[in-house]
């Protein structure tokens, strides 16, 4: 009788231990959390032009917009071209989003079709260092924008602005004098990634 009671007690303890072991190995942990993504919103600010020189006959218009795909674009029209005429463009970008950004791509689009592309490429020169030396064509300047600004971060609620000086090529071809150059300068933005710096 004592042996059977001992055996029953051992079995009861074993069953209880199995239940505790099963509960211990099958414990469920539930974590509730919220993931919030950042916002991406870059806009133009303060685009303006200024003719340089008292007797400047250029007919210039510059305006900025964003197309249906969210690509930022500056529309340039420079009319009544003549050799040596100078102008400056001041523009900037404000990061209204919550994540830092940088320029991912810049390109020229919608060049007016009545001007030969080779002549167009050399019609407008840029003073890249703002030192009075116009040593780069507009198309070369645009091609180098991304590499020159690759490490420039625009943080959330920060504005990046500057003034660039332009000059009609002093060696402008005769068939471009008095003509109009129109084109769009487009910018595409990407997230600035600190890890890859």
C-alpha atoms as a PDB file:
ATOM      1  CA  UNK A   1       0.000   0.000   0.000  1.00  0.00           C
ATOM      2  CA  UNK A   2       2.802   2.348   0.875  1.00  0.00           C
ATOM      3  CA  UNK A   3       4.506   1.538  -2.409  1.00  0.00           C
ATOM      4  CA  UNK A   4       1.351   2.227  -4.404  1.00  0.00           C
ATOM      5  CA  UNK A   5       0.839   5.583  -2.651  1.00  0.00           C
ATOM      6  CA  UNK A   6       4.441   6.467  -3.315  1.00  0.00           C
ATOM      7  CA  UNK A   7       4.029   5.458  -6.951  1.00  0.00           C
ATOM      8  CA  UNK A   8       0.842   7.551  -7.291  1.00  0.00           C
ATOM      9  CA  UNK A   9       2.559  10.534  -5.657  1.00  0.00           C
ATOM     10  CA  UNK A  10       5.517  10.165  -8.040  1.00  0.00           C
ATOM     11  CA  UNK A  11       3.184   9.951 -11.064  1.00  0.00           C
ATOM     12  CA  UNK A  12       1.207  13.007  -9.938  1.00  0.00           C
ATOM     13  CA  UNK A  13       4.451  14.967  -9.469  1.00  0.00           C
ATOM     14  CA  UNK A  14       5.708  13.821 -12.879  1.00  0.00           C
ATOM     15  CA  UNK A  15       2.487  14.901 -14.618  1.00  0.00           C
ATOM     16  CA  UNK A  16       2.623  18.261 -12.817  1.00  0.00           C
ATOM     17  CA  UNK A  17       6.247  18.745 -13.848  1.00  0.00           C
ATOM     18  CA  UNK A  18       5.402  17.926 -17.475  1.00  0.00           C
ATOM     19  CA  UNK A  19       2.705  20.617 -17.423  1.00  0.00           C
ATOM     20  CA  UNK A  20       5.111  23.162 -15.951  1.00  0.00           C
ATOM     21  CA  UNK A  21       7.783  22.215 -18.482  1.00  0.00           C
ATOM     22  CA  UNK A  22       5.336  22.453 -21.386  1.00  0.00           C
ATOM     23  CA  UNK A  23       4.122  25.860 -20.216  1.00  0.00           C
ATOM     24  CA  UNK A  24       7.671  27.043 -19.715  1.00  0.00           C
ATOM     25  CA  UNK A  25       8.825  26.040 -23.243  1.00  0.00           C
ATOM     26  CA  UNK A  26       5.681  27.371 -24.916  1.00  0.00           C
ATOM     27  CA  UNK A  27       5.533  30.795 -23.369  1.00  0.00           C
ATOM     28  CA  UNK A  28       4.310  33.414 -25.909  1.00  0.00           C
ATOM     29  CA  UNK A  29       5.677  36.939 -25.966  1.00  0.00           C
ATOM     30  CA  UNK A  30       3.626  39.558 -27.810  1.00  0.00           C
ATOM     31  CA  UNK A  31       5.182  42.906 -28.734  1.00  0.00           C
ATOM     32  CA  UNK A  32       2.996  45.734 -29.974  1.00  0.00           C
ATOM     33  CA  UNK A  33       4.766  48.510 -31.863  1.00  0.00           C
ATOM     34  CA  UNK A  34       4.289  51.302 -34.373  1.00  0.00           C
ATOM     35  CA  UNK A  35       6.474  51.971 -37.420  1.00  0.00           C
ATOM     36  CA  UNK A  36       6.337  55.515 -38.763  1.00  0.00           C
ATOM     37  CA  UNK A  37       7.981  56.344 -42.092  1.00  0.00           C
ATOM     38  CA  UNK A  38       9.549  59.686 -42.942  1.00  0.00           C
ATOM     39  CA  UNK A  39       8.191  62.192 -45.445  1.00  0.00           C
ATOM     40  CA  UNK A  40       9.981  63.308 -48.621  1.00  0.00           C
ATOM     41  CA  UNK A  41       9.208  66.848 -49.823  1.00  0.00           C
ATOM     42  CA  UNK A  42      11.683  69.261 -51.470  1.00  0.00           C
ATOM     43  CA  UNK A  43      10.501  72.584 -52.953  1.00  0.00           C
ATOM     44  CA  UNK A  44      12.038  75.539 -54.779  1.00  0.00           C
ATOM     45  CA  UNK A  45      12.340  78.876 -52.982  1.00  0.00           C
ATOM     46  CA  UNK A  46      13.252  82.410 -54.040  1.00  0.00           C
ATOM     47  CA  UNK A  47      14.069  81.950 -57.733  1.00  0.00           C
ATOM     48  CA  UNK A  48      15.035  85.306 -59.228  1.00  0.00           C
ATOM     49  CA  UNK A  49      17.186  86.727 -62.001  1.00  0.00           C
ATOM     50  CA  UNK A  50      19.274  89.845 -62.307  1.00  0.00           C
ATOM     51  CA  UNK A  51      20.827  91.357 -65.423  1.00  0.00           C
ATOM     52  CA  UNK A  52      24.442  92.391 -64.907  1.00  0.00           C
ATOM     53  CA  UNK A  53      25.485  95.685 -66.476  1.00  0.00           C
ATOM     54  CA  UNK A  54      23.671  98.964 -67.084  1.00  0.00           C
ATOM     55  CA  UNK A  55      22.883  98.380 -70.744  1.00  0.00           C
ATOM     56  CA  UNK A  56      21.817  94.782 -70.755  1.00  0.00           C
ATOM     57  CA  UNK A  57      19.388  93.875 -73.537  1.00  0.00           C
ATOM     58  CA  UNK A  58      18.798  90.239 -72.672  1.00  0.00           C
ATOM     59  CA  UNK A  59      15.204  89.108 -72.325  1.00  0.00           C
ATOM     60  CA  UNK A  60      15.329  86.601 -69.460  1.00  0.00           C
ATOM     61  CA  UNK A  61      12.709  84.665 -67.587  1.00  0.00           C
ATOM     62  CA  UNK A  62      13.284  81.981 -64.987  1.00  0.00           C
ATOM     63  CA  UNK A  63      10.615  80.156 -63.045  1.00  0.00           C
ATOM     64  CA  UNK A  64      10.465  76.996 -61.014  1.00  0.00           C
ATOM     65  CA  UNK A  65       7.831  74.305 -60.786  1.00  0.00           C
ATOM     66  CA  UNK A  66       7.248  70.671 -59.956  1.00  0.00           C
ATOM     67  CA  UNK A  67       5.901  68.323 -62.627  1.00  0.00           C
ATOM     68  CA  UNK A  68       3.233  65.633 -62.184  1.00  0.00           C
ATOM     69  CA  UNK A  69       5.892  63.066 -61.260  1.00  0.00           C
ATOM     70  CA  UNK A  70       7.261  65.250 -58.448  1.00  0.00           C
ATOM     71  CA  UNK A  71      10.414  66.249 -60.364  1.00  0.00           C
ATOM     72  CA  UNK A  72      11.617  69.782 -59.615  1.00  0.00           C
ATOM     73  CA  UNK A  73      12.275  71.902 -62.688  1.00  0.00           C
ATOM     74  CA  UNK A  74      13.683  75.378 -63.388  1.00  0.00           C
ATOM     75  CA  UNK A  75      12.506  76.782 -66.730  1.00  0.00           C
ATOM     76  CA  UNK A  76      15.002  79.144 -68.413  1.00  0.00           C
ATOM     77  CA  UNK A  77      14.340  81.443 -71.344  1.00  0.00           C
ATOM     78  CA  UNK A  78      17.194  83.690 -72.442  1.00  0.00           C
ATOM     79  CA  UNK A  79      16.257  85.832 -75.427  1.00  0.00           C
ATOM     80  CA  UNK A  80      17.867  88.541 -77.551  1.00  0.00           C
ATOM     81  CA  UNK A  81      21.251  86.813 -77.200  1.00  0.00           C
ATOM     82  CA  UNK A  82      24.334  88.895 -77.820  1.00  0.00           C
ATOM     83  CA  UNK A  83      28.009  88.187 -77.028  1.00  0.00           C
ATOM     84  CA  UNK A  84      29.239  88.976 -73.519  1.00  0.00           C
ATOM     85  CA  UNK A  85      25.859  89.694 -71.877  1.00  0.00           C
ATOM     86  CA  UNK A  86      25.787  88.586 -68.223  1.00  0.00           C
ATOM     87  CA  UNK A  87      23.061  87.636 -65.754  1.00  0.00           C
ATOM     88  CA  UNK A  88      22.749  85.901 -62.404  1.00  0.00           C
ATOM     89  CA  UNK A  89      20.198  83.432 -61.102  1.00  0.00           C
ATOM     90  CA  UNK A  90      19.496  83.031 -57.403  1.00  0.00           C
ATOM     91  CA  UNK A  91      17.526  79.991 -56.368  1.00  0.00           C
ATOM     92  CA  UNK A  92      17.273  77.513 -53.569  1.00  0.00           C
ATOM     93  CA  UNK A  93      15.638  74.391 -52.266  1.00  0.00           C
ATOM     94  CA  UNK A  94      13.922  73.839 -48.949  1.00  0.00           C
ATOM     95  CA  UNK A  95      13.527  70.394 -47.435  1.00  0.00           C
ATOM     96  CA  UNK A  96       9.982  70.314 -46.050  1.00  0.00           C
ATOM     97  CA  UNK A  97      10.220  66.575 -45.394  1.00  0.00           C
ATOM     98  CA  UNK A  98      11.409  64.734 -42.322  1.00  0.00           C
ATOM     99  CA  UNK A  99      14.417  62.942 -43.845  1.00  0.00           C
ATOM    100  CA  UNK A 100      17.692  64.463 -45.130  1.00  0.00           C
ATOM    101  CA  UNK A 101      18.089  64.630 -48.928  1.00  0.00           C
ATOM    102  CA  UNK A 102      20.691  65.336 -51.612  1.00  0.00           C
ATOM    103  CA  UNK A 103      20.572  65.879 -55.371  1.00  0.00           C
ATOM    104  CA  UNK A 104      20.398  62.522 -57.103  1.00  0.00           C
ATOM    105  CA  UNK A 105      20.198  63.696 -60.710  1.00  0.00           C
ATOM    106  CA  UNK A 106      20.266  66.942 -62.682  1.00  0.00           C
ATOM    107  CA  UNK A 107      19.706  67.203 -66.414  1.00  0.00           C
ATOM    108  CA  UNK A 108      18.714  69.550 -69.196  1.00  0.00           C
ATOM    109  CA  UNK A 109      15.454  68.829 -70.996  1.00  0.00           C
ATOM    110  CA  UNK A 110      13.137  70.415 -73.567  1.00  0.00           C
ATOM    111  CA  UNK A 111      15.785  72.419 -75.385  1.00  0.00           C
ATOM    112  CA  UNK A 112      14.197  74.530 -78.091  1.00  0.00           C
ATOM    113  CA  UNK A 113      14.536  72.779 -81.416  1.00  0.00           C
ATOM    114  CA  UNK A 114      15.557  75.755 -83.574  1.00  0.00           C
ATOM    115  CA  UNK A 115      19.119  75.766 -82.211  1.00  0.00           C
ATOM    116  CA  UNK A 116      21.776  73.223 -83.100  1.00  0.00           C
ATOM    117  CA  UNK A 117      22.713  71.248 -79.971  1.00  0.00           C
ATOM    118  CA  UNK A 118      26.464  71.893 -80.388  1.00  0.00           C
ATOM    119  CA  UNK A 119      25.881  75.631 -80.681  1.00  0.00           C
ATOM    120  CA  UNK A 120      23.485  75.521 -77.726  1.00  0.00           C
ATOM    121  CA  UNK A 121      26.052  73.719 -75.566  1.00  0.00           C
ATOM    122  CA  UNK A 122      28.452  76.625 -75.987  1.00  0.00           C
ATOM    123  CA  UNK A 123      25.988  79.549 -76.021  1.00  0.00           C
ATOM    124  CA  UNK A 124      25.844  80.137 -72.235  1.00  0.00           C
ATOM    125  CA  UNK A 125      28.913  80.047 -69.986  1.00  0.00           C
ATOM    126  CA  UNK A 126      28.959  79.638 -66.198  1.00  0.00           C
ATOM    127  CA  UNK A 127      31.173  81.153 -63.508  1.00  0.00           C
ATOM    128  CA  UNK A 128      31.387  78.005 -61.379  1.00  0.00           C
ATOM    129  CA  UNK A 129      33.554  79.564 -58.642  1.00  0.00           C
ATOM    130  CA  UNK A 130      31.928  83.038 -58.609  1.00  0.00           C
ATOM    131  CA  UNK A 131      35.334  84.575 -59.284  1.00  0.00           C
ATOM    132  CA  UNK A 132      34.512  86.347 -62.557  1.00  0.00           C
ATOM    133  CA  UNK A 133      35.918  83.579 -64.749  1.00  0.00           C
ATOM    134  CA  UNK A 134      33.379  82.005 -67.084  1.00  0.00           C
ATOM    135  CA  UNK A 135      35.210  78.782 -67.831  1.00  0.00           C
ATOM    136  CA  UNK A 136      32.434  76.185 -68.141  1.00  0.00           C
ATOM    137  CA  UNK A 137      29.604  75.757 -70.626  1.00  0.00           C
ATOM    138  CA  UNK A 138      26.115  75.432 -69.207  1.00  0.00           C
ATOM    139  CA  UNK A 139      25.803  71.786 -70.289  1.00  0.00           C
ATOM    140  CA  UNK A 140      29.152  70.917 -68.602  1.00  0.00           C
ATOM    141  CA  UNK A 141      28.025  72.689 -65.434  1.00  0.00           C
ATOM    142  CA  UNK A 142      24.772  70.708 -65.287  1.00  0.00           C
ATOM    143  CA  UNK A 143      26.645  67.444 -65.910  1.00  0.00           C
ATOM    144  CA  UNK A 144      28.869  68.186 -62.881  1.00  0.00           C
ATOM    145  CA  UNK A 145      26.178  69.374 -60.446  1.00  0.00           C
ATOM    146  CA  UNK A 146      25.579  65.941 -58.915  1.00  0.00           C
ATOM    147  CA  UNK A 147      29.266  65.136 -58.370  1.00  0.00           C
ATOM    148  CA  UNK A 148      29.974  68.629 -56.997  1.00  0.00           C
ATOM    149  CA  UNK A 149      27.054  68.458 -54.551  1.00  0.00           C
ATOM    150  CA  UNK A 150      27.178  64.730 -53.746  1.00  0.00           C
ATOM    151  CA  UNK A 151      28.190  65.312 -50.122  1.00  0.00           C
ATOM    152  CA  UNK A 152      25.847  68.278 -49.566  1.00  0.00           C
ATOM    153  CA  UNK A 153      23.003  67.298 -47.264  1.00  0.00           C
ATOM    154  CA  UNK A 154      19.803  69.302 -46.922  1.00  0.00           C
ATOM    155  CA  UNK A 155      18.425  68.385 -43.516  1.00  0.00           C
ATOM    156  CA  UNK A 156      14.766  68.552 -42.574  1.00  0.00           C
ATOM    157  CA  UNK A 157      13.505  72.170 -42.565  1.00  0.00           C
ATOM    158  CA  UNK A 158      16.834  73.387 -43.994  1.00  0.00           C
ATOM    159  CA  UNK A 159      17.281  75.561 -47.096  1.00  0.00           C
ATOM    160  CA  UNK A 160      20.131  75.325 -49.608  1.00  0.00           C
ATOM    161  CA  UNK A 161      20.377  78.466 -51.753  1.00  0.00           C
ATOM    162  CA  UNK A 162      22.930  80.248 -53.871  1.00  0.00           C
ATOM    163  CA  UNK A 163      23.594  82.583 -56.783  1.00  0.00           C
ATOM    164  CA  UNK A 164      25.182  81.496 -60.042  1.00  0.00           C
ATOM    165  CA  UNK A 165      26.500  83.931 -62.663  1.00  0.00           C
ATOM    166  CA  UNK A 166      26.028  83.270 -66.380  1.00  0.00           C
ATOM    167  CA  UNK A 167      27.417  84.896 -69.509  1.00  0.00           C
ATOM    168  CA  UNK A 168      26.527  84.677 -73.174  1.00  0.00           C
ATOM    169  CA  UNK A 169      29.610  83.318 -74.900  1.00  0.00           C
ATOM    170  CA  UNK A 170      31.720  86.252 -76.207  1.00  0.00           C
ATOM    171  CA  UNK A 171      32.372  84.100 -79.301  1.00  0.00           C
ATOM    172  CA  UNK A 172      28.671  83.488 -79.928  1.00  0.00           C
ATOM    173  CA  UNK A 173      28.024  82.400 -83.491  1.00  0.00           C
ATOM    174  CA  UNK A 174      26.290  84.899 -85.772  1.00  0.00           C
ATOM    175  CA  UNK A 175      23.233  82.693 -86.310  1.00  0.00           C
ATOM    176  CA  UNK A 176      22.542  82.664 -82.545  1.00  0.00           C
ATOM    177  CA  UNK A 177      22.719  86.443 -82.075  1.00  0.00           C
ATOM    178  CA  UNK A 178      19.273  87.832 -81.347  1.00  0.00           C
ATOM    179  CA  UNK A 179      17.878  84.314 -80.899  1.00  0.00           C
ATOM    180  CA  UNK A 180      16.245  82.756 -77.847  1.00  0.00           C
ATOM    181  CA  UNK A 181      17.475  79.753 -75.883  1.00  0.00           C
ATOM    182  CA  UNK A 182      14.884  77.893 -73.808  1.00  0.00           C
ATOM    183  CA  UNK A 183      15.424  74.802 -71.701  1.00  0.00           C
ATOM    184  CA  UNK A 184      14.398  73.114 -68.468  1.00  0.00           C
ATOM    185  CA  UNK A 185      16.846  72.185 -65.751  1.00  0.00           C
ATOM    186  CA  UNK A 186      15.395  69.272 -63.780  1.00  0.00           C
ATOM    187  CA  UNK A 187      16.419  67.967 -60.365  1.00  0.00           C
ATOM    188  CA  UNK A 188      15.662  64.613 -58.827  1.00  0.00           C
ATOM    189  CA  UNK A 189      16.229  64.083 -55.106  1.00  0.00           C
ATOM    190  CA  UNK A 190      17.331  61.040 -53.099  1.00  0.00           C
ATOM    191  CA  UNK A 191      17.679  60.295 -49.426  1.00  0.00           C
ATOM    192  CA  UNK A 192      21.021  61.350 -47.938  1.00  0.00           C
ATOM    193  CA  UNK A 193      22.515  58.221 -46.394  1.00  0.00           C
ATOM    194  CA  UNK A 194      25.067  58.871 -43.625  1.00  0.00           C
ATOM    195  CA  UNK A 195      26.195  55.224 -43.581  1.00  0.00           C
ATOM    196  CA  UNK A 196      27.597  55.367 -47.112  1.00  0.00           C
ATOM    197  CA  UNK A 197      29.584  58.553 -46.562  1.00  0.00           C
END
